Structures are given as structure tokens and as C-alpha cells.
N, C-alpha and C. Protein backbone atom coordinates (compact mmCIF):
# COMPACT_ATOMS: atom_id res chain seq x y z
N MET A 1 -0.41 -11.23 -1.19
CA MET A 1 -1.67 -11.32 -1.64
C MET A 1 -1.76 -10.44 -2.84
N ALA A 2 -1.64 -9.42 -2.89
CA ALA A 2 -1.17 -8.51 -4.62
C ALA A 2 -0.37 -8.05 -4.74
N VAL A 3 0.28 -8.05 -6.08
CA VAL A 3 1.39 -7.04 -6.59
C VAL A 3 0.66 -5.92 -7.58
N GLU A 4 0.28 -4.95 -7.43
CA GLU A 4 -0.19 -4.25 -8.72
C GLU A 4 0.72 -3.63 -9.33
N THR A 5 1.49 -3.14 -10.75
CA THR A 5 2.50 -2.40 -11.05
C THR A 5 1.65 -1.49 -12.99
N ARG A 6 1.82 -0.57 -12.18
CA ARG A 6 1.61 0.22 -13.50
C ARG A 6 2.69 0.78 -13.97
N THR A 7 2.70 1.60 -15.16
CA THR A 7 3.77 2.62 -16.09
C THR A 7 3.03 3.68 -16.55
N PHE A 8 3.61 4.47 -16.12
CA PHE A 8 2.90 6.42 -16.41
C PHE A 8 3.84 6.90 -17.50
N PRO A 9 3.67 7.85 -18.22
CA PRO A 9 4.60 8.81 -18.63
C PRO A 9 4.67 9.94 -17.48
N ALA A 10 6.03 10.73 -17.64
CA ALA A 10 6.58 11.32 -16.78
C ALA A 10 7.97 12.28 -17.09
N ALA A 11 7.55 13.90 -17.01
CA ALA A 11 8.37 14.54 -17.33
C ALA A 11 9.86 14.31 -16.56
N GLY A 12 11.09 14.46 -17.34
CA GLY A 12 12.06 14.17 -16.79
C GLY A 12 12.92 14.91 -15.47
N ASP A 13 11.95 15.40 -14.85
CA ASP A 13 12.53 16.50 -13.94
C ASP A 13 11.58 16.27 -12.89
N THR A 14 10.21 14.99 -12.55
CA THR A 14 9.69 14.69 -11.73
C THR A 14 10.64 14.53 -10.55
N ASP A 15 10.17 14.67 -9.57
CA ASP A 15 10.77 14.48 -7.85
C ASP A 15 10.68 13.27 -7.48
N LEU A 16 10.48 11.78 -7.61
CA LEU A 16 9.88 10.58 -7.03
C LEU A 16 10.28 10.72 -5.74
N PRO A 17 11.27 10.84 -5.25
CA PRO A 17 11.79 11.25 -3.74
C PRO A 17 10.01 12.03 -3.03
N GLY A 18 10.07 13.07 -3.54
CA GLY A 18 8.77 14.48 -3.30
C GLY A 18 7.59 13.55 -3.33
N MET A 19 7.45 12.78 -4.71
CA MET A 19 6.05 12.34 -4.71
C MET A 19 5.67 11.33 -3.85
N ALA A 20 7.55 10.41 -3.40
CA ALA A 20 6.98 9.30 -2.01
C ALA A 20 6.81 9.68 -0.99
N THR A 21 7.56 11.23 -0.65
CA THR A 21 6.79 11.12 0.91
C THR A 21 5.59 11.86 0.88
N ALA A 22 5.05 12.77 0.10
CA ALA A 22 3.89 13.19 -0.40
C ALA A 22 2.69 12.01 -0.07
N LEU A 23 2.92 10.96 -0.67
CA LEU A 23 2.09 9.92 -0.81
C LEU A 23 2.37 9.45 0.81
N ALA A 24 3.42 9.31 1.11
CA ALA A 24 3.81 8.57 2.67
C ALA A 24 2.62 9.59 3.57
N GLU A 25 2.74 10.63 3.62
CA GLU A 25 1.95 12.06 4.48
C GLU A 25 0.66 11.28 4.08
N TRP A 26 0.12 11.70 3.23
CA TRP A 26 -0.80 11.39 3.02
C TRP A 26 -1.74 9.97 3.51
N LEU A 27 -1.20 8.66 3.30
CA LEU A 27 -0.80 7.67 3.94
C LEU A 27 -1.24 7.76 5.44
N ILE A 28 -0.57 8.32 6.01
CA ILE A 28 -0.54 8.81 7.42
C ILE A 28 -1.43 9.48 7.83
N ARG A 29 -1.71 10.73 7.71
CA ARG A 29 -2.85 11.41 7.93
C ARG A 29 -4.24 11.36 7.35
N ASP A 30 -4.49 10.17 6.36
CA ASP A 30 -6.03 9.69 5.94
C ASP A 30 -6.17 8.76 5.81
N LYS A 31 -5.01 7.51 6.11
CA LYS A 31 -5.51 6.07 6.37
C LYS A 31 -4.83 5.56 7.36
N GLY A 32 -3.86 6.40 8.18
CA GLY A 32 -3.69 5.78 9.31
C GLY A 32 -2.54 4.96 9.39
N PHE A 33 -1.62 5.38 8.50
CA PHE A 33 -0.85 3.95 8.44
C PHE A 33 0.54 4.82 8.79
N SER A 34 1.79 3.77 9.47
CA SER A 34 2.50 4.53 9.92
C SER A 34 3.86 4.49 9.02
N VAL A 35 5.36 5.00 8.74
CA VAL A 35 6.39 4.72 7.93
C VAL A 35 7.27 4.08 8.72
N LYS A 36 7.45 3.02 8.14
CA LYS A 36 8.38 1.91 8.95
C LYS A 36 9.82 2.00 7.65
N LEU A 37 10.19 2.62 6.35
CA LEU A 37 10.86 3.11 5.75
C LEU A 37 10.49 4.15 4.40
N ASN A 38 11.07 5.09 4.08
CA ASN A 38 10.92 5.66 3.54
C ASN A 38 12.68 6.51 2.69
N THR A 39 12.99 5.98 1.60
CA THR A 39 14.12 5.96 1.37
C THR A 39 14.64 6.12 -0.20
N ARG A 40 15.44 7.02 -0.98
CA ARG A 40 15.67 6.96 -2.30
C ARG A 40 16.36 5.73 -2.50
N LEU A 41 16.29 5.15 -3.81
CA LEU A 41 16.71 4.67 -4.46
C LEU A 41 17.38 5.06 -5.86
N HIS A 42 18.39 4.74 -6.12
CA HIS A 42 18.77 5.44 -7.49
C HIS A 42 18.30 5.56 -8.58
N ASP A 43 17.06 5.14 -9.01
CA ASP A 43 16.00 5.36 -9.73
C ASP A 43 14.77 6.11 -9.64
N GLY A 44 14.56 6.09 -8.26
CA GLY A 44 13.14 6.64 -7.46
C GLY A 44 13.13 6.59 -5.88
N ALA A 45 12.29 5.70 -5.59
CA ALA A 45 12.38 5.88 -4.12
C ALA A 45 11.03 4.51 -3.86
N LEU A 46 11.51 4.10 -2.59
CA LEU A 46 11.04 3.03 -2.21
C LEU A 46 9.93 3.66 -0.58
N LEU A 47 8.87 3.09 -0.61
CA LEU A 47 8.14 3.32 0.84
C LEU A 47 7.87 1.90 1.31
N LYS A 48 7.92 1.45 2.60
CA LYS A 48 7.36 0.53 3.19
C LYS A 48 6.27 1.23 4.65
N LEU A 49 4.89 0.95 5.05
CA LEU A 49 4.26 1.50 5.59
C LEU A 49 3.29 0.31 6.63
N GLU A 50 2.92 0.25 7.20
CA GLU A 50 1.93 -0.81 8.05
C GLU A 50 1.13 0.05 8.66
N ARG A 51 -0.20 -0.52 8.96
CA ARG A 51 -0.97 -0.13 10.05
C ARG A 51 -1.92 -1.17 10.29
N THR A 52 -1.55 -1.31 11.86
CA THR A 52 -1.15 -2.86 12.28
C THR A 52 -1.18 -2.30 13.78
N ASP A 53 -2.25 -3.28 14.84
CA ASP A 53 -1.94 -3.57 16.15
C ASP A 53 -2.94 -4.52 16.54
N PHE A 54 -2.69 -4.85 17.82
CA PHE A 54 -3.14 -5.87 17.99
C PHE A 54 -5.06 -6.17 17.84
N GLY A 55 -5.40 -5.65 17.80
CA GLY A 55 -6.76 -5.53 17.63
C GLY A 55 -7.14 -5.59 16.37
N ARG A 56 -6.16 -4.86 15.07
CA ARG A 56 -6.47 -5.07 13.78
C ARG A 56 -6.05 -6.55 13.57
N GLN A 57 -5.01 -6.76 14.18
CA GLN A 57 -4.37 -8.49 13.31
C GLN A 57 -5.47 -9.24 14.24
N LEU A 58 -5.83 -9.22 14.97
CA LEU A 58 -6.87 -10.33 15.49
C LEU A 58 -8.57 -10.09 14.69
N THR A 59 -8.88 -8.65 14.02
CA THR A 59 -9.80 -8.35 13.36
C THR A 59 -9.56 -8.91 11.69
N GLY A 60 -8.08 -8.80 11.28
CA GLY A 60 -7.57 -9.64 10.00
C GLY A 60 -8.11 -7.55 9.36
N LEU A 61 -7.73 -6.63 9.76
CA LEU A 61 -7.63 -5.54 9.36
C LEU A 61 -6.47 -4.84 9.50
N ALA A 62 -5.18 -5.79 9.72
CA ALA A 62 -4.14 -5.20 9.66
C ALA A 62 -3.28 -5.16 8.11
N TYR A 63 -2.95 -4.09 7.85
CA TYR A 63 -2.72 -3.62 6.28
C TYR A 63 -0.98 -3.60 6.09
N THR A 64 -0.45 -3.99 5.30
CA THR A 64 1.54 -3.37 5.16
C THR A 64 1.59 -3.23 3.62
N LEU A 65 2.19 -1.89 3.51
CA LEU A 65 1.57 -1.51 1.74
C LEU A 65 3.77 -1.41 1.50
N ASP A 66 4.01 -2.10 0.28
CA ASP A 66 5.65 -1.73 0.11
C ASP A 66 5.31 -0.89 -1.57
N ILE A 67 5.48 0.00 -1.50
CA ILE A 67 5.47 1.01 -2.82
C ILE A 67 6.53 1.57 -3.39
N THR A 68 6.76 0.88 -4.65
CA THR A 68 8.39 1.44 -5.20
C THR A 68 8.00 2.61 -6.39
N LEU A 69 8.65 3.35 -6.44
CA LEU A 69 8.46 4.31 -7.48
C LEU A 69 9.68 4.71 -8.41
N GLN A 70 9.94 4.19 -9.55
CA GLN A 70 11.52 4.09 -10.40
C GLN A 70 10.82 4.41 -11.65
N ARG A 71 12.31 5.45 -12.04
CA ARG A 71 11.89 5.79 -13.34
C ARG A 71 12.90 4.77 -14.10
N GLN A 72 11.93 4.95 -15.54
CA GLN A 72 12.71 4.09 -16.65
C GLN A 72 12.05 4.69 -18.04
N GLY A 73 13.49 5.72 -18.44
CA GLY A 73 13.27 6.49 -19.24
C GLY A 73 12.19 7.75 -18.74
N ASN A 74 11.42 7.50 -19.80
CA ASN A 74 10.54 8.37 -19.82
C ASN A 74 9.29 8.28 -19.04
N ALA A 75 9.38 7.43 -18.51
CA ALA A 75 8.40 6.88 -17.59
C ALA A 75 8.43 6.81 -16.37
N VAL A 76 7.63 6.17 -15.48
CA VAL A 76 7.66 5.99 -13.96
C VAL A 76 6.53 4.86 -13.70
N THR A 77 7.49 3.35 -13.40
CA THR A 77 6.63 2.43 -13.08
C THR A 77 6.58 2.64 -11.32
N VAL A 78 5.00 2.52 -10.85
CA VAL A 78 4.96 2.48 -9.50
C VAL A 78 4.29 0.76 -9.26
N THR A 79 4.52 0.16 -8.44
CA THR A 79 4.62 -1.26 -7.69
C THR A 79 3.91 -0.96 -6.62
N VAL A 80 2.99 -1.19 -6.00
CA VAL A 80 1.90 -1.55 -4.64
C VAL A 80 1.96 -2.58 -4.77
N ASP A 81 2.88 -3.63 -3.38
CA ASP A 81 2.63 -4.49 -2.75
C ASP A 81 2.19 -4.41 -1.46
N ASP A 82 0.43 -5.00 -1.73
CA ASP A 82 -0.37 -5.08 -0.30
C ASP A 82 -0.22 -6.03 0.71
N GLY A 83 1.26 -7.07 0.77
CA GLY A 83 1.40 -7.82 1.74
C GLY A 83 1.04 -9.17 1.24
N ASP A 84 0.71 -9.58 2.36
CA ASP A 84 0.08 -11.33 2.48
C ASP A 84 -0.76 -11.65 3.08
N PHE A 85 -0.76 -12.90 2.91
CA PHE A 85 -2.13 -13.76 3.57
C PHE A 85 -2.06 -13.85 4.81
N ARG A 86 -0.86 -13.50 5.66
CA ARG A 86 -0.61 -13.49 6.98
C ARG A 86 -1.22 -11.90 7.89
N ASN A 87 -1.69 -11.37 7.01
CA ASN A 87 -1.84 -10.48 7.81
C ASN A 87 -3.74 -10.59 8.13
N GLN A 88 -4.35 -11.45 7.63
CA GLN A 88 -5.66 -11.69 7.86
C GLN A 88 -5.64 -13.05 8.42
N ALA A 89 -4.30 -13.79 8.34
CA ALA A 89 -4.80 -15.15 8.95
C ALA A 89 -5.44 -15.14 10.76
N LEU A 90 -4.39 -14.99 11.46
CA LEU A 90 -5.22 -14.73 12.88
C LEU A 90 -6.67 -14.36 12.75
N ALA A 91 -7.32 -13.68 12.20
CA ALA A 91 -8.38 -13.94 12.24
C ALA A 91 -9.00 -14.90 11.61
N LEU A 92 -9.12 -15.33 10.22
CA LEU A 92 -9.20 -16.24 9.79
C LEU A 92 -9.23 -17.86 10.45
N GLY A 93 -8.12 -17.31 11.31
CA GLY A 93 -8.18 -18.69 11.75
C GLY A 93 -8.96 -19.03 13.09
N ILE A 94 -9.17 -18.02 14.03
CA ILE A 94 -10.12 -17.93 15.31
C ILE A 94 -11.47 -18.13 14.64
N GLY A 95 -11.28 -17.18 13.38
CA GLY A 95 -13.00 -17.13 13.27
C GLY A 95 -13.51 -18.93 12.49
N ALA A 96 -12.78 -18.98 11.88
CA ALA A 96 -12.92 -20.24 11.61
C ALA A 96 -13.36 -21.44 12.65
N PHE A 97 -12.80 -21.14 13.58
CA PHE A 97 -12.72 -22.20 15.00
C PHE A 97 -13.59 -21.65 16.27
N VAL A 98 -13.83 -20.03 16.37
CA VAL A 98 -14.39 -19.83 17.51
C VAL A 98 -14.70 -18.91 17.12
N LEU A 99 -14.48 -17.82 16.90
CA LEU A 99 -15.86 -16.91 16.56
C LEU A 99 -16.26 -16.11 14.86
N TRP A 100 -16.94 -16.96 14.32
CA TRP A 100 -17.24 -16.68 12.96
C TRP A 100 -17.33 -15.44 12.82
N PRO A 101 -17.84 -14.27 13.09
CA PRO A 101 -17.99 -12.88 12.76
C PRO A 101 -16.75 -12.21 12.67
N LEU A 102 -15.53 -12.80 13.07
CA LEU A 102 -14.33 -12.49 12.61
C LEU A 102 -13.90 -13.01 11.15
N LEU A 103 -14.20 -13.74 10.45
CA LEU A 103 -14.48 -14.47 9.21
C LEU A 103 -14.82 -13.28 8.36
N LEU A 104 -15.88 -12.50 8.89
CA LEU A 104 -16.35 -11.74 8.15
C LEU A 104 -15.49 -10.25 8.24
N THR A 105 -14.80 -9.97 9.19
CA THR A 105 -13.73 -8.70 8.86
C THR A 105 -12.60 -8.90 8.53
N ALA A 106 -12.37 -10.20 8.42
CA ALA A 106 -10.60 -10.70 6.98
C ALA A 106 -11.15 -10.44 5.72
N GLY A 107 -12.18 -10.54 5.58
CA GLY A 107 -12.59 -10.80 4.42
C GLY A 107 -12.60 -9.05 3.84
N TYR A 108 -13.47 -8.64 4.67
CA TYR A 108 -13.50 -7.06 4.71
C TYR A 108 -11.82 -6.35 4.35
N GLY A 109 -10.95 -7.01 5.44
CA GLY A 109 -9.66 -6.81 5.50
C GLY A 109 -9.30 -6.80 3.59
N TRP A 110 -9.38 -7.97 2.95
CA TRP A 110 -9.01 -8.23 1.99
C TRP A 110 -9.23 -7.63 0.97
N ILE A 111 -10.50 -7.13 0.77
CA ILE A 111 -11.18 -6.00 0.05
C ILE A 111 -10.39 -5.00 0.06
N SER A 112 -10.62 -4.36 1.69
CA SER A 112 -9.74 -2.83 1.65
C SER A 112 -8.65 -2.99 0.93
N LYS A 113 -7.61 -3.98 1.01
CA LYS A 113 -6.59 -3.77 0.97
C LYS A 113 -6.45 -3.47 -0.58
N GLY A 114 -7.13 -4.47 -1.53
CA GLY A 114 -7.59 -4.04 -2.73
C GLY A 114 -7.75 -2.55 -2.92
N GLU A 115 -8.95 -2.02 -2.37
CA GLU A 115 -9.10 -0.59 -2.62
C GLU A 115 -8.10 0.50 -2.16
N ILE A 116 -7.32 0.00 -0.97
CA ILE A 116 -6.20 0.80 -1.05
C ILE A 116 -5.25 0.92 -1.88
N ARG A 117 -4.47 0.01 -2.79
CA ARG A 117 -3.69 -0.66 -3.54
C ARG A 117 -4.14 0.33 -4.61
N GLY A 118 -5.47 0.34 -5.06
CA GLY A 118 -6.10 1.46 -6.50
C GLY A 118 -5.93 2.85 -5.79
N GLU A 119 -6.19 3.01 -4.98
CA GLU A 119 -5.89 4.57 -4.42
C GLU A 119 -4.72 5.30 -4.45
N VAL A 120 -3.29 4.06 -4.15
CA VAL A 120 -2.59 4.76 -4.33
C VAL A 120 -1.85 4.63 -5.40
N ILE A 121 -2.36 3.95 -6.67
CA ILE A 121 -1.90 3.96 -8.09
C ILE A 121 -2.81 5.15 -8.37
N ALA A 122 -3.89 5.42 -8.20
CA ALA A 122 -4.38 6.53 -8.89
C ALA A 122 -3.73 8.12 -8.10
N ARG A 123 -3.50 7.87 -7.37
CA ARG A 123 -2.85 9.00 -6.54
C ARG A 123 -1.39 9.42 -7.29
N VAL A 124 -0.54 8.63 -7.43
CA VAL A 124 0.77 8.94 -8.15
C VAL A 124 0.37 8.68 -9.67
N ALA A 125 -0.88 8.42 -10.14
CA ALA A 125 -0.88 8.97 -11.65
C ALA A 125 -1.17 10.38 -11.61
N ARG A 126 -2.17 11.06 -10.57
CA ARG A 126 -2.22 12.15 -11.14
C ARG A 126 -1.11 12.97 -10.46
N GLY A 127 -0.51 12.63 -9.82
CA GLY A 127 0.50 13.56 -9.29
C GLY A 127 1.67 13.14 -10.74
N LEU A 128 1.55 12.31 -11.54
CA LEU A 128 2.12 12.18 -13.01
C LEU A 128 1.74 13.00 -13.91
N GLY A 129 0.48 13.71 -13.62
CA GLY A 129 -0.21 14.14 -14.76
C GLY A 129 -1.01 13.00 -15.37
N ALA A 130 -1.09 12.35 -15.07
CA ALA A 130 -1.38 11.15 -16.28
C ALA A 130 -3.10 10.62 -16.20
N MET A 131 -3.66 11.51 -15.37
CA MET A 131 -5.01 11.45 -15.12
C MET A 131 -5.43 12.63 -14.97
């Protein structure tokens, strides 16, 4: 659905894989995500997380996040991709034809994805001392 990219100034010794691990731990502990991938890149780190099960798929509250932290000179670029329309598709399909209240939960899921994306970027900015 949405990809947001921000660039922040950072010291050359900033531990991006460590920051990615701390970010993953926060998302697991406070937001209920599970990690699918946490790997180092030659210039940073890549995280893939999800929060999904049948009930979340049915109600449109399934979330996926792909987070990339990359060093570019004296800056760090963070990219957060919060998945696509398919996370809410089941709820929208059923809601449109059978259970209209599922349209509300799918809409809430859509809005929540943007909030989580913003929280991730703010957390990275604080970790880099940019906020």
C-alpha cells in the first residue's frame, strides 16, 4: 500500500544491524509482530515482519512490514513498506457482499498500517539522535 522513505544524519559508527534488532524486539514485544527475516546488508540491515492469522486476515487487521536501514555516506536511509492491499482484501470482499461491519475493520487496518509505519520511522530517528 505505502512505502515511506526518510533520510537522517548519522554518525559513522552507528550500528544499523543492532538498531534493526532493537526495532524488531520492540515490534515483537509491543506490537505483536513476528520476525520473518532479520539480516545484514553490506550497507545496513533488512527486516521483514508480520502480524497475521486467520482472524486478522478475516477482519482486515493483518500487517506486514519490510524495513530497510541503509547507510549512505554520513546519513542513514530508512524505508518502511507496510505491505499491500491484499492484507485487507479478504475482509473487503466478505464485507462488501456478506458482513458489512468487516468493511469497518478493514478500514481501521488500513489506517493503522500508516500509524505503525510512522512509529517505526520515529523510533529510528530517535535511535539516530535526529529527534
